[in-house]
Amino acid sequence: MPDHVHARIWFLKTGPLSRFMQQWKGRSSKGIKEFLYCSMPEYASKFPQSDPIWQVRFYSLEIYTTAKIEEKLIYMHLNPVRAGLVETPTEWRWGSARWYLEGRTVGIPIQWVD
């Protein structure tokens, strides 16, 4: 989605999510800004370099059943369709629907964990 991200992340134990999100946001912010300033300098110049990429907080939901995992994946995959950005979930370039629905790569490894 252009203005937010959904991710399904699994940890072996409880507790590491906040640290993970801090590192993910920090590293991805740096990469996104480098990409924008190198690939789209005219667009990037419209925003102060100190502007944040991400909002300070994030929302998490603990999932305990396979049925709930599947429900959330369907929601995530249909999000760009509902927003009118694509006609089918597998068309969304930045989503995992191609892997889950068609077994095709999406550029990062995905592992199903029950």
PDB file of N, CA and C in Angstrom:
ATOM      1  N   MET A   1       0.837  -1.173   0.000  1.00  0.00           N
ATOM      2  CA  MET A   1       0.000   0.000   0.000  1.00  0.00           C
ATOM      3  C   MET A   1       0.884   1.239   0.000  1.00  0.00           C
ATOM      4  N   PRO A   2       0.453   2.289  -0.634  1.00  0.00           N
ATOM      5  CA  PRO A   2       1.298   3.487  -0.687  1.00  0.00           C
ATOM      6  C   PRO A   2       1.535   4.151   0.661  1.00  0.00           C
ATOM      7  N   ASP A   3       0.628   3.956   1.621  1.00  0.00           N
ATOM      8  CA  ASP A   3       0.765   4.698   2.868  1.00  0.00           C
ATOM      9  C   ASP A   3       0.890   3.834   4.122  1.00  0.00           C
ATOM     10  N   HIS A   4       0.970   2.515   3.962  1.00  0.00           N
ATOM     11  CA  HIS A   4       1.178   1.657   5.126  1.00  0.00           C
ATOM     12  C   HIS A   4       1.633   0.264   4.703  1.00  0.00           C
ATOM     13  N   VAL A   5       2.059  -0.509   5.676  1.00  0.00           N
ATOM     14  CA  VAL A   5       2.588  -1.849   5.425  1.00  0.00           C
ATOM     15  C   VAL A   5       1.910  -2.834   6.376  1.00  0.00           C
ATOM     16  N   HIS A   6       1.589  -4.002   5.851  1.00  0.00           N
ATOM     17  CA  HIS A   6       1.138  -5.115   6.690  1.00  0.00           C
ATOM     18  C   HIS A   6       2.221  -6.179   6.608  1.00  0.00           C
ATOM     19  N   ALA A   7       2.523  -6.804   7.722  1.00  0.00           N
ATOM     20  CA  ALA A   7       3.511  -7.880   7.727  1.00  0.00           C
ATOM     21  C   ALA A   7       3.098  -8.939   8.736  1.00  0.00           C
ATOM     22  N   ARG A   8       3.334 -10.179   8.384  1.00  0.00           N
ATOM     23  CA  ARG A   8       3.127 -11.288   9.320  1.00  0.00           C
ATOM     24  C   ARG A   8       4.509 -11.747   9.743  1.00  0.00           C
ATOM     25  N   ILE A   9       4.810 -11.571  11.008  1.00  0.00           N
ATOM     26  CA  ILE A   9       6.145 -11.864  11.533  1.00  0.00           C
ATOM     27  C   ILE A   9       5.988 -12.849  12.680  1.00  0.00           C
ATOM     28  N   TRP A  10       6.836 -13.838  12.699  1.00  0.00           N
ATOM     29  CA  TRP A  10       6.762 -14.873  13.728  1.00  0.00           C
ATOM     30  C   TRP A  10       8.075 -14.936  14.483  1.00  0.00           C
ATOM     31  N   PHE A  11       7.977 -14.956  15.809  1.00  0.00           N
ATOM     32  CA  PHE A  11       9.142 -15.085  16.672  1.00  0.00           C
ATOM     33  C   PHE A  11       9.027 -16.359  17.490  1.00  0.00           C
ATOM     34  N   LEU A  12      10.147 -16.956  17.840  1.00  0.00           N
ATOM     35  CA  LEU A  12      10.147 -18.161  18.658  1.00  0.00           C
ATOM     36  C   LEU A  12       9.658 -17.905  20.078  1.00  0.00           C
ATOM     37  N   LYS A  13       9.894 -16.692  20.554  1.00  0.00           N
ATOM     38  CA  LYS A  13       9.467 -16.344  21.908  1.00  0.00           C
ATOM     39  C   LYS A  13       8.864 -14.949  21.891  1.00  0.00           C
ATOM     40  N   THR A  14       8.157 -14.594  22.945  1.00  0.00           N
ATOM     41  CA  THR A  14       7.555 -13.269  23.024  1.00  0.00           C
ATOM     42  C   THR A  14       8.600 -12.237  23.440  1.00  0.00           C
ATOM     43  N   GLY A  15       8.360 -10.993  23.032  1.00  0.00           N
ATOM     44  CA  GLY A  15       9.215  -9.913  23.491  1.00  0.00           C
ATOM     45  C   GLY A  15      10.032  -9.164  22.457  1.00  0.00           C
ATOM     46  N   PRO A  16      10.479  -9.778  21.340  1.00  0.00           N
ATOM     47  CA  PRO A  16      11.404  -9.062  20.456  1.00  0.00           C
ATOM     48  C   PRO A  16      10.753  -8.142  19.420  1.00  0.00           C
ATOM     49  N   LEU A  17       9.433  -8.034  19.402  1.00  0.00           N
ATOM     50  CA  LEU A  17       8.783  -7.274  18.341  1.00  0.00           C
ATOM     51  C   LEU A  17       9.175  -5.799  18.333  1.00  0.00           C
ATOM     52  N   SER A  18       9.174  -5.140  19.473  1.00  0.00           N
ATOM     53  CA  SER A  18       9.498  -3.705  19.506  1.00  0.00           C
ATOM     54  C   SER A  18      10.896  -3.430  18.970  1.00  0.00           C
ATOM     55  N   ARG A  19      11.855  -4.215  19.390  1.00  0.00           N
ATOM     56  CA  ARG A  19      13.243  -4.036  18.906  1.00  0.00           C
ATOM     57  C   ARG A  19      13.326  -4.306  17.410  1.00  0.00           C
ATOM     58  N   PHE A  20      12.652  -5.359  16.972  1.00  0.00           N
ATOM     59  CA  PHE A  20      12.621  -5.673  15.544  1.00  0.00           C
ATOM     60  C   PHE A  20      12.052  -4.507  14.739  1.00  0.00           C
ATOM     61  N   MET A  21      10.916  -3.958  15.190  1.00  0.00           N
ATOM     62  CA  MET A  21      10.280  -2.858  14.467  1.00  0.00           C
ATOM     63  C   MET A  21      11.176  -1.621  14.442  1.00  0.00           C
ATOM     64  N   GLN A  22      11.844  -1.350  15.549  1.00  0.00           N
ATOM     65  CA  GLN A  22      12.758  -0.207  15.602  1.00  0.00           C
ATOM     66  C   GLN A  22      13.863  -0.371  14.550  1.00  0.00           C
ATOM     67  N   GLN A  23      14.454  -1.555  14.494  1.00  0.00           N
ATOM     68  CA  GLN A  23      15.521  -1.802  13.522  1.00  0.00           C
ATOM     69  C   GLN A  23      14.993  -1.803  12.093  1.00  0.00           C
ATOM     70  N   TRP A  24      13.836  -2.412  11.872  1.00  0.00           N
ATOM     71  CA  TRP A  24      13.251  -2.480  10.529  1.00  0.00           C
ATOM     72  C   TRP A  24      12.942  -1.074  10.021  1.00  0.00           C
ATOM     73  N   LYS A  25      12.307  -0.260  10.859  1.00  0.00           N
ATOM     74  CA  LYS A  25      11.977   1.099  10.448  1.00  0.00           C
ATOM     75  C   LYS A  25      13.233   1.925  10.195  1.00  0.00           C
ATOM     76  N   GLY A  26      14.232   1.786  11.062  1.00  0.00           N
ATOM     77  CA  GLY A  26      15.468   2.545  10.888  1.00  0.00           C
ATOM     78  C   GLY A  26      16.199   2.187   9.605  1.00  0.00           C
ATOM     79  N   ARG A  27      16.374   0.905   9.379  1.00  0.00           N
ATOM     80  CA  ARG A  27      17.101   0.452   8.179  1.00  0.00           C
ATOM     81  C   ARG A  27      16.323   0.742   6.902  1.00  0.00           C
ATOM     82  N   SER A  28      15.023   0.489   6.934  1.00  0.00           N
ATOM     83  CA  SER A  28      14.234   0.726   5.722  1.00  0.00           C
ATOM     84  C   SER A  28      14.116   2.225   5.432  1.00  0.00           C
ATOM     85  N   SER A  29      14.028   3.058   6.458  1.00  0.00           N
ATOM     86  CA  SER A  29      13.982   4.513   6.238  1.00  0.00           C
ATOM     87  C   SER A  29      15.221   4.984   5.502  1.00  0.00           C
ATOM     88  N   LYS A  30      16.363   4.501   5.943  1.00  0.00           N
ATOM     89  CA  LYS A  30      17.623   4.881   5.293  1.00  0.00           C
ATOM     90  C   LYS A  30      17.621   4.432   3.835  1.00  0.00           C
ATOM     91  N   GLY A  31      17.205   3.192   3.594  1.00  0.00           N
ATOM     92  CA  GLY A  31      17.182   2.668   2.225  1.00  0.00           C
ATOM     93  C   GLY A  31      16.185   3.385   1.337  1.00  0.00           C
ATOM     94  N   ILE A  32      15.017   3.694   1.868  1.00  0.00           N
ATOM     95  CA  ILE A  32      13.996   4.394   1.086  1.00  0.00           C
ATOM     96  C   ILE A  32      14.479   5.796   0.722  1.00  0.00           C
ATOM     97  N   LYS A  33      15.076   6.484   1.680  1.00  0.00           N
ATOM     98  CA  LYS A  33      15.580   7.838   1.396  1.00  0.00           C
ATOM     99  C   LYS A  33      16.715   7.811   0.387  1.00  0.00           C
ATOM    100  N   GLU A  34      17.623   6.848   0.516  1.00  0.00           N
ATOM    101  CA  GLU A  34      18.710   6.731  -0.465  1.00  0.00           C
ATOM    102  C   GLU A  34      18.142   6.468  -1.855  1.00  0.00           C
ATOM    103  N   PHE A  35      17.160   5.578  -1.941  1.00  0.00           N
ATOM    104  CA  PHE A  35      16.529   5.281  -3.226  1.00  0.00           C
ATOM    105  C   PHE A  35      15.894   6.536  -3.816  1.00  0.00           C
ATOM    106  N   LEU A  36      15.130   7.256  -3.011  1.00  0.00           N
ATOM    107  CA  LEU A  36      14.449   8.448  -3.513  1.00  0.00           C
ATOM    108  C   LEU A  36      15.432   9.516  -3.970  1.00  0.00           C
ATOM    109  N   TYR A  37      16.460   9.775  -3.170  1.00  0.00           N
ATOM    110  CA  TYR A  37      17.402  10.836  -3.521  1.00  0.00           C
ATOM    111  C   TYR A  37      18.274  10.470  -4.719  1.00  0.00           C
ATOM    112  N   CYS A  38      18.512   9.179  -4.933  1.00  0.00           N
ATOM    113  CA  CYS A  38      19.313   8.758  -6.088  1.00  0.00           C
ATOM    114  C   CYS A  38      18.471   8.575  -7.343  1.00  0.00           C
ATOM    115  N   SER A  39      17.292   7.990  -7.197  1.00  0.00           N
ATOM    116  CA  SER A  39      16.467   7.634  -8.353  1.00  0.00           C
ATOM    117  C   SER A  39      15.435   8.691  -8.722  1.00  0.00           C
ATOM    118  N   MET A  40      15.010   9.468  -7.751  1.00  0.00           N
ATOM    119  CA  MET A  40      13.967  10.460  -7.986  1.00  0.00           C
ATOM    120  C   MET A  40      14.321  11.773  -7.287  1.00  0.00           C
ATOM    121  N   PRO A  41      15.465  12.363  -7.619  1.00  0.00           N
ATOM    122  CA  PRO A  41      15.927  13.539  -6.872  1.00  0.00           C
ATOM    123  C   PRO A  41      14.971  14.727  -6.917  1.00  0.00           C
ATOM    124  N   GLU A  42      14.306  14.929  -8.028  1.00  0.00           N
ATOM    125  CA  GLU A  42      13.387  16.066  -8.116  1.00  0.00           C
ATOM    126  C   GLU A  42      12.207  15.886  -7.145  1.00  0.00           C
ATOM    127  N   TYR A  43      11.673  14.686  -7.096  1.00  0.00           N
ATOM    128  CA  TYR A  43      10.584  14.381  -6.163  1.00  0.00           C
ATOM    129  C   TYR A  43      11.084  14.473  -4.719  1.00  0.00           C
ATOM    130  N   ALA A  44      12.230  13.876  -4.444  1.00  0.00           N
ATOM    131  CA  ALA A  44      12.782  13.853  -3.087  1.00  0.00           C
ATOM    132  C   ALA A  44      13.104  15.249  -2.573  1.00  0.00           C
ATOM    133  N   SER A  45      13.451  16.150  -3.473  1.00  0.00           N
ATOM    134  CA  SER A  45      13.811  17.505  -3.040  1.00  0.00           C
ATOM    135  C   SER A  45      12.621  18.287  -2.489  1.00  0.00           C
ATOM    136  N   LYS A  46      11.417  17.793  -2.700  1.00  0.00           N
ATOM    137  CA  LYS A  46      10.219  18.469  -2.200  1.00  0.00           C
ATOM    138  C   LYS A  46      10.016  18.267  -0.699  1.00  0.00           C
ATOM    139  N   PHE A  47      10.779  17.340  -0.109  1.00  0.00           N
ATOM    140  CA  PHE A  47      10.613  17.012   1.298  1.00  0.00           C
ATOM    141  C   PHE A  47      11.931  17.208   2.036  1.00  0.00           C
ATOM    142  N   PRO A  48      11.889  17.754   3.242  1.00  0.00           N
ATOM    143  CA  PRO A  48      13.129  17.861   4.024  1.00  0.00           C
ATOM    144  C   PRO A  48      13.695  16.452   4.296  1.00  0.00           C
ATOM    145  N   GLN A  49      14.994  16.312   4.191  1.00  0.00           N
ATOM    146  CA  GLN A  49      15.625  15.013   4.403  1.00  0.00           C
ATOM    147  C   GLN A  49      15.393  14.504   5.827  1.00  0.00           C
ATOM    148  N   SER A  50      15.115  15.410   6.753  1.00  0.00           N
ATOM    149  CA  SER A  50      14.884  15.010   8.137  1.00  0.00           C
ATOM    150  C   SER A  50      13.468  14.487   8.386  1.00  0.00           C
ATOM    151  N   ASP A  51      12.562  14.642   7.404  1.00  0.00           N
ATOM    152  CA  ASP A  51      11.198  14.129   7.577  1.00  0.00           C
ATOM    153  C   ASP A  51      11.227  12.613   7.766  1.00  0.00           C
ATOM    154  N   PRO A  52      10.417  12.104   8.682  1.00  0.00           N
ATOM    155  CA  PRO A  52      10.395  10.655   8.896  1.00  0.00           C
ATOM    156  C   PRO A  52       9.667   9.927   7.772  1.00  0.00           C
ATOM    157  N   ILE A  53      10.058   8.690   7.537  1.00  0.00           N
ATOM    158  CA  ILE A  53       9.366   7.824   6.584  1.00  0.00           C
ATOM    159  C   ILE A  53       8.190   7.160   7.290  1.00  0.00           C
ATOM    160  N   TRP A  54       8.417   6.689   8.496  1.00  0.00           N
ATOM    161  CA  TRP A  54       7.424   5.925   9.247  1.00  0.00           C
ATOM    162  C   TRP A  54       6.841   6.749  10.385  1.00  0.00           C
ATOM    163  N   GLN A  55       5.605   6.406  10.764  1.00  0.00           N
ATOM    164  CA  GLN A  55       5.034   6.965  11.978  1.00  0.00           C
ATOM    165  C   GLN A  55       5.755   6.330  13.165  1.00  0.00           C
ATOM    166  N   VAL A  56       5.689   6.986  14.312  1.00  0.00           N
ATOM    167  CA  VAL A  56       6.410   6.523  15.493  1.00  0.00           C
ATOM    168  C   VAL A  56       5.896   5.165  15.968  1.00  0.00           C
ATOM    169  N   ARG A  57       4.606   4.969  15.974  1.00  0.00           N
ATOM    170  CA  ARG A  57       4.069   3.734  16.542  1.00  0.00           C
ATOM    171  C   ARG A  57       3.720   2.709  15.472  1.00  0.00           C
ATOM    172  N   PHE A  58       3.388   1.511  15.940  1.00  0.00           N
ATOM    173  CA  PHE A  58       2.905   0.452  15.065  1.00  0.00           C
ATOM    174  C   PHE A  58       1.819  -0.301  15.827  1.00  0.00           C
ATOM    175  N   TYR A  59       1.035  -1.054  15.080  1.00  0.00           N
ATOM    176  CA  TYR A  59      -0.046  -1.822  15.688  1.00  0.00           C
ATOM    177  C   TYR A  59       0.233  -3.302  15.486  1.00  0.00           C
ATOM    178  N   SER A  60       0.159  -4.044  16.568  1.00  0.00           N
ATOM    179  CA  SER A  60       0.400  -5.480  16.479  1.00  0.00           C
ATOM    180  C   SER A  60      -0.840  -6.247  16.898  1.00  0.00           C
ATOM    181  N   LEU A  61      -0.921  -7.468  16.427  1.00  0.00           N
ATOM    182  CA  LEU A  61      -2.017  -8.357  16.772  1.00  0.00           C
ATOM    183  C   LEU A  61      -1.426  -9.746  16.938  1.00  0.00           C
ATOM    184  N   GLU A  62      -1.583 -10.324  18.099  1.00  0.00           N
ATOM    185  CA  GLU A  62      -1.097 -11.680  18.322  1.00  0.00           C
ATOM    186  C   GLU A  62      -2.115 -12.658  17.756  1.00  0.00           C
ATOM    187  N   ILE A  63      -1.634 -13.623  17.016  1.00  0.00           N
ATOM    188  CA  ILE A  63      -2.492 -14.595  16.345  1.00  0.00           C
ATOM    189  C   ILE A  63      -2.178 -15.979  16.885  1.00  0.00           C
ATOM    190  N   TYR A  64      -3.229 -16.709  17.251  1.00  0.00           N
ATOM    191  CA  TYR A  64      -3.042 -18.003  17.896  1.00  0.00           C
ATOM    192  C   TYR A  64      -3.563 -19.194  17.094  1.00  0.00           C
ATOM    193  N   THR A  65      -4.296 -18.955  16.007  1.00  0.00           N
ATOM    194  CA  THR A  65      -4.862 -20.079  15.260  1.00  0.00           C
ATOM    195  C   THR A  65      -4.550 -19.950  13.777  1.00  0.00           C
ATOM    196  N   THR A  66      -4.529 -21.100  13.115  1.00  0.00           N
ATOM    197  CA  THR A  66      -4.316 -21.118  11.665  1.00  0.00           C
ATOM    198  C   THR A  66      -5.446 -20.380  10.955  1.00  0.00           C
ATOM    199  N   ALA A  67      -6.662 -20.533  11.451  1.00  0.00           N
ATOM    200  CA  ALA A  67      -7.802 -19.848  10.835  1.00  0.00           C
ATOM    201  C   ALA A  67      -7.626 -18.333  10.878  1.00  0.00           C
ATOM    202  N   LYS A  68      -7.120 -17.794  11.974  1.00  0.00           N
ATOM    203  CA  LYS A  68      -6.906 -16.349  12.093  1.00  0.00           C
ATOM    204  C   LYS A  68      -5.765 -15.897  11.179  1.00  0.00           C
ATOM    205  N   ILE A  69      -4.718 -16.712  11.051  1.00  0.00           N
ATOM    206  CA  ILE A  69      -3.626 -16.396  10.122  1.00  0.00           C
ATOM    207  C   ILE A  69      -4.182 -16.277   8.704  1.00  0.00           C
ATOM    208  N   GLU A  70      -4.981 -17.252   8.316  1.00  0.00           N
ATOM    209  CA  GLU A  70      -5.564 -17.239   6.974  1.00  0.00           C
ATOM    210  C   GLU A  70      -6.482 -16.032   6.775  1.00  0.00           C
ATOM    211  N   GLU A  71      -7.282 -15.704   7.790  1.00  0.00           N
ATOM    212  CA  GLU A  71      -8.158 -14.531   7.714  1.00  0.00           C
ATOM    213  C   GLU A  71      -7.345 -13.259   7.488  1.00  0.00           C
ATOM    214  N   LYS A  72      -6.257 -13.102   8.235  1.00  0.00           N
ATOM    215  CA  LYS A  72      -5.432 -11.900   8.108  1.00  0.00           C
ATOM    216  C   LYS A  72      -4.695 -11.849   6.769  1.00  0.00           C
ATOM    217  N   LEU A  73      -4.247 -13.009   6.275  1.00  0.00           N
ATOM    218  CA  LEU A  73      -3.599 -13.031   4.957  1.00  0.00           C
ATOM    219  C   LEU A  73      -4.573 -12.610   3.862  1.00  0.00           C
ATOM    220  N   ILE A  74      -5.797 -13.106   3.932  1.00  0.00           N
ATOM    221  CA  ILE A  74      -6.805 -12.710   2.941  1.00  0.00           C
ATOM    222  C   ILE A  74      -7.029 -11.202   3.013  1.00  0.00           C
ATOM    223  N   TYR A  75      -7.152 -10.671   4.219  1.00  0.00           N
ATOM    224  CA  TYR A  75      -7.324  -9.231   4.395  1.00  0.00           C
ATOM    225  C   TYR A  75      -6.151  -8.475   3.765  1.00  0.00           C
ATOM    226  N   MET A  76      -4.926  -8.913   4.085  1.00  0.00           N
ATOM    227  CA  MET A  76      -3.731  -8.242   3.560  1.00  0.00           C
ATOM    228  C   MET A  76      -3.689  -8.314   2.039  1.00  0.00           C
ATOM    229  N   HIS A  77      -4.006  -9.478   1.480  1.00  0.00           N
ATOM    230  CA  HIS A  77      -3.934  -9.653   0.026  1.00  0.00           C
ATOM    231  C   HIS A  77      -5.019  -8.861  -0.705  1.00  0.00           C
ATOM    232  N   LEU A  78      -6.172  -8.682  -0.094  1.00  0.00           N
ATOM    233  CA  LEU A  78      -7.252  -7.924  -0.732  1.00  0.00           C
ATOM    234  C   LEU A  78      -7.138  -6.420  -0.520  1.00  0.00           C
ATOM    235  N   ASN A  79      -6.268  -5.971   0.366  1.00  0.00           N
ATOM    236  CA  ASN A  79      -6.132  -4.551   0.670  1.00  0.00           C
ATOM    237  C   ASN A  79      -5.876  -3.693  -0.581  1.00  0.00           C
ATOM    238  N   PRO A  80      -4.900  -4.014  -1.432  1.00  0.00           N
ATOM    239  CA  PRO A  80      -4.698  -3.184  -2.623  1.00  0.00           C
ATOM    240  C   PRO A  80      -5.839  -3.293  -3.637  1.00  0.00           C
ATOM    241  N   VAL A  81      -6.564  -4.400  -3.620  1.00  0.00           N
ATOM    242  CA  VAL A  81      -7.730  -4.543  -4.497  1.00  0.00           C
ATOM    243  C   VAL A  81      -8.827  -3.595  -4.017  1.00  0.00           C
ATOM    244  N   ARG A  82      -9.111  -3.608  -2.714  1.00  0.00           N
ATOM    245  CA  ARG A  82     -10.133  -2.708  -2.148  1.00  0.00           C
ATOM    246  C   ARG A  82      -9.773  -1.244  -2.378  1.00  0.00           C
ATOM    247  N   ALA A  83      -8.478  -0.941  -2.385  1.00  0.00           N
ATOM    248  CA  ALA A  83      -8.034   0.443  -2.594  1.00  0.00           C
ATOM    249  C   ALA A  83      -8.056   0.849  -4.072  1.00  0.00           C
ATOM    250  N   GLY A  84      -8.377  -0.107  -4.956  1.00  0.00           N
ATOM    251  CA  GLY A  84      -8.449   0.198  -6.386  1.00  0.00           C
ATOM    252  C   GLY A  84      -7.101   0.275  -7.076  1.00  0.00           C
ATOM    253  N   LEU A  85      -6.062  -0.264  -6.449  1.00  0.00           N
ATOM    254  CA  LEU A  85      -4.715  -0.191  -7.025  1.00  0.00           C
ATOM    255  C   LEU A  85      -4.444  -1.323  -8.016  1.00  0.00           C
ATOM    256  N   VAL A  86      -5.117  -2.445  -7.855  1.00  0.00           N
ATOM    257  CA  VAL A  86      -5.005  -3.597  -8.756  1.00  0.00           C
ATOM    258  C   VAL A  86      -6.377  -4.271  -8.820  1.00  0.00           C
ATOM    259  N   GLU A  87      -6.528  -5.164  -9.795  1.00  0.00           N
ATOM    260  CA  GLU A  87      -7.794  -5.884  -9.907  1.00  0.00           C
ATOM    261  C   GLU A  87      -7.778  -7.207  -9.152  1.00  0.00           C
ATOM    262  N   THR A  88      -6.615  -7.828  -9.040  1.00  0.00           N
ATOM    263  CA  THR A  88      -6.497  -9.089  -8.309  1.00  0.00           C
ATOM    264  C   THR A  88      -5.314  -9.006  -7.352  1.00  0.00           C
ATOM    265  N   PRO A  89      -5.345  -9.757  -6.254  1.00  0.00           N
ATOM    266  CA  PRO A  89      -4.243  -9.696  -5.273  1.00  0.00           C
ATOM    267  C   PRO A  89      -2.880 -10.054  -5.865  1.00  0.00           C
ATOM    268  N   THR A  90      -2.833 -10.960  -6.820  1.00  0.00           N
ATOM    269  CA  THR A  90      -1.541 -11.378  -7.372  1.00  0.00           C
ATOM    270  C   THR A  90      -0.893 -10.314  -8.250  1.00  0.00           C
ATOM    271  N   GLU A  91      -1.639  -9.294  -8.626  1.00  0.00           N
ATOM    272  CA  GLU A  91      -1.071  -8.200  -9.413  1.00  0.00           C
ATOM    273  C   GLU A  91      -0.268  -7.219  -8.554  1.00  0.00           C
ATOM    274  N   TRP A  92      -0.503  -7.210  -7.237  1.00  0.00           N
ATOM    275  CA  TRP A  92       0.175  -6.253  -6.362  1.00  0.00           C
ATOM    276  C   TRP A  92       1.635  -6.654  -6.222  1.00  0.00           C
ATOM    277  N   ARG A  93       2.511  -5.864  -6.760  1.00  0.00           N
ATOM    278  CA  ARG A  93       3.946  -6.157  -6.848  1.00  0.00           C
ATOM    279  C   ARG A  93       4.613  -6.362  -5.487  1.00  0.00           C
ATOM    280  N   TRP A  94       4.122  -5.666  -4.477  1.00  0.00           N
ATOM    281  CA  TRP A  94       4.789  -5.673  -3.176  1.00  0.00           C
ATOM    282  C   TRP A  94       4.105  -6.592  -2.161  1.00  0.00           C
ATOM    283  N   GLY A  95       3.260  -7.490  -2.629  1.00  0.00           N
ATOM    284  CA  GLY A  95       2.541  -8.378  -1.721  1.00  0.00           C
ATOM    285  C   GLY A  95       3.008  -9.821  -1.838  1.00  0.00           C
ATOM    286  N   SER A  96       2.479 -10.646  -0.954  1.00  0.00           N
ATOM    287  CA  SER A  96       2.850 -12.064  -0.931  1.00  0.00           C
ATOM    288  C   SER A  96       1.821 -12.960  -1.599  1.00  0.00           C
ATOM    289  N   ALA A  97       0.770 -12.396  -2.172  1.00  0.00           N
ATOM    290  CA  ALA A  97      -0.304 -13.208  -2.757  1.00  0.00           C
ATOM    291  C   ALA A  97       0.210 -14.146  -3.839  1.00  0.00           C
ATOM    292  N   ARG A  98       1.175 -13.722  -4.649  1.00  0.00           N
ATOM    293  CA  ARG A  98       1.709 -14.606  -5.701  1.00  0.00           C
ATOM    294  C   ARG A  98       2.277 -15.882  -5.104  1.00  0.00           C
ATOM    295  N   TRP A  99       2.939 -15.778  -3.958  1.00  0.00           N
ATOM    296  CA  TRP A  99       3.525 -16.959  -3.325  1.00  0.00           C
ATOM    297  C   TRP A  99       2.434 -17.853  -2.739  1.00  0.00           C
ATOM    298  N   TYR A 100       1.533 -17.261  -1.981  1.00  0.00           N
ATOM    299  CA  TYR A 100       0.486 -18.036  -1.322  1.00  0.00           C
ATOM    300  C   TYR A 100      -0.523 -18.627  -2.299  1.00  0.00           C
ATOM    301  N   LEU A 101      -0.886 -17.881  -3.336  1.00  0.00           N
ATOM    302  CA  LEU A 101      -1.950 -18.314  -4.242  1.00  0.00           C
ATOM    303  C   LEU A 101      -1.445 -19.054  -5.479  1.00  0.00           C
ATOM    304  N   GLU A 102      -0.216 -18.735  -5.915  1.00  0.00           N
ATOM    305  CA  GLU A 102       0.291 -19.326  -7.157  1.00  0.00           C
ATOM    306  C   GLU A 102       1.631 -20.035  -6.998  1.00  0.00           C
ATOM    307  N   GLY A 103       2.244 -19.954  -5.825  1.00  0.00           N
ATOM    308  CA  GLY A 103       3.533 -20.602  -5.611  1.00  0.00           C
ATOM    309  C   GLY A 103       4.693 -19.906  -6.322  1.00  0.00           C
ATOM    310  N   ARG A 104       4.489 -18.665  -6.747  1.00  0.00           N
ATOM    311  CA  ARG A 104       5.549 -17.913  -7.436  1.00  0.00           C
ATOM    312  C   ARG A 104       6.344 -17.061  -6.452  1.00  0.00           C
ATOM    313  N   THR A 105       7.585 -16.821  -6.774  1.00  0.00           N
ATOM    314  CA  THR A 105       8.449 -16.015  -5.909  1.00  0.00           C
ATOM    315  C   THR A 105       7.957 -14.577  -5.824  1.00  0.00           C
ATOM    316  N   VAL A 106       8.243 -13.964  -4.683  1.00  0.00           N
ATOM    317  CA  VAL A 106       7.938 -12.547  -4.490  1.00  0.00           C
ATOM    318  C   VAL A 106       9.199 -11.767  -4.132  1.00  0.00           C
ATOM    319  N   GLY A 107      10.340 -12.399  -4.251  1.00  0.00           N
ATOM    320  CA  GLY A 107      11.611 -11.717  -4.029  1.00  0.00           C
ATOM    321  C   GLY A 107      12.215 -11.892  -2.647  1.00  0.00           C
ATOM    322  N   ILE A 108      11.444 -12.375  -1.708  1.00  0.00           N
ATOM    323  CA  ILE A 108      11.953 -12.656  -0.373  1.00  0.00           C
ATOM    324  C   ILE A 108      11.461 -14.041   0.039  1.00  0.00           C
ATOM    325  N   PRO A 109      12.213 -14.731   0.895  1.00  0.00           N
ATOM    326  CA  PRO A 109      11.745 -16.062   1.306  1.00  0.00           C
ATOM    327  C   PRO A 109      10.535 -15.965   2.234  1.00  0.00           C
ATOM    328  N   ILE A 110       9.584 -16.845   2.008  1.00  0.00           N
ATOM    329  CA  ILE A 110       8.396 -16.938   2.861  1.00  0.00           C
ATOM    330  C   ILE A 110       8.314 -18.363   3.367  1.00  0.00           C
ATOM    331  N   GLN A 111       8.052 -18.485   4.641  1.00  0.00           N
ATOM    332  CA  GLN A 111       7.909 -19.818   5.235  1.00  0.00           C
ATOM    333  C   GLN A 111       6.610 -19.860   6.021  1.00  0.00           C
ATOM    334  N   TRP A 112       5.774 -20.835   5.738  1.00  0.00           N
ATOM    335  CA  TRP A 112       4.504 -20.982   6.457  1.00  0.00           C
ATOM    336  C   TRP A 112       4.806 -21.663   7.785  1.00  0.00           C
ATOM    337  N   VAL A 113       4.358 -21.057   8.872  1.00  0.00           N
ATOM    338  CA  VAL A 113       4.550 -21.616  10.207  1.00  0.00           C
ATOM    339  C   VAL A 113       3.186 -21.740  10.857  1.00  0.00           C
ATOM    340  N   ASP A 114       2.811 -22.950  11.248  1.00  0.00           N
ATOM    341  CA  ASP A 114       1.540 -23.159  11.964  1.00  0.00           C
ATOM    342  C   ASP A 114       1.752 -22.983  13.439  1.00  0.00           C
TER     343      ASP A 114
END
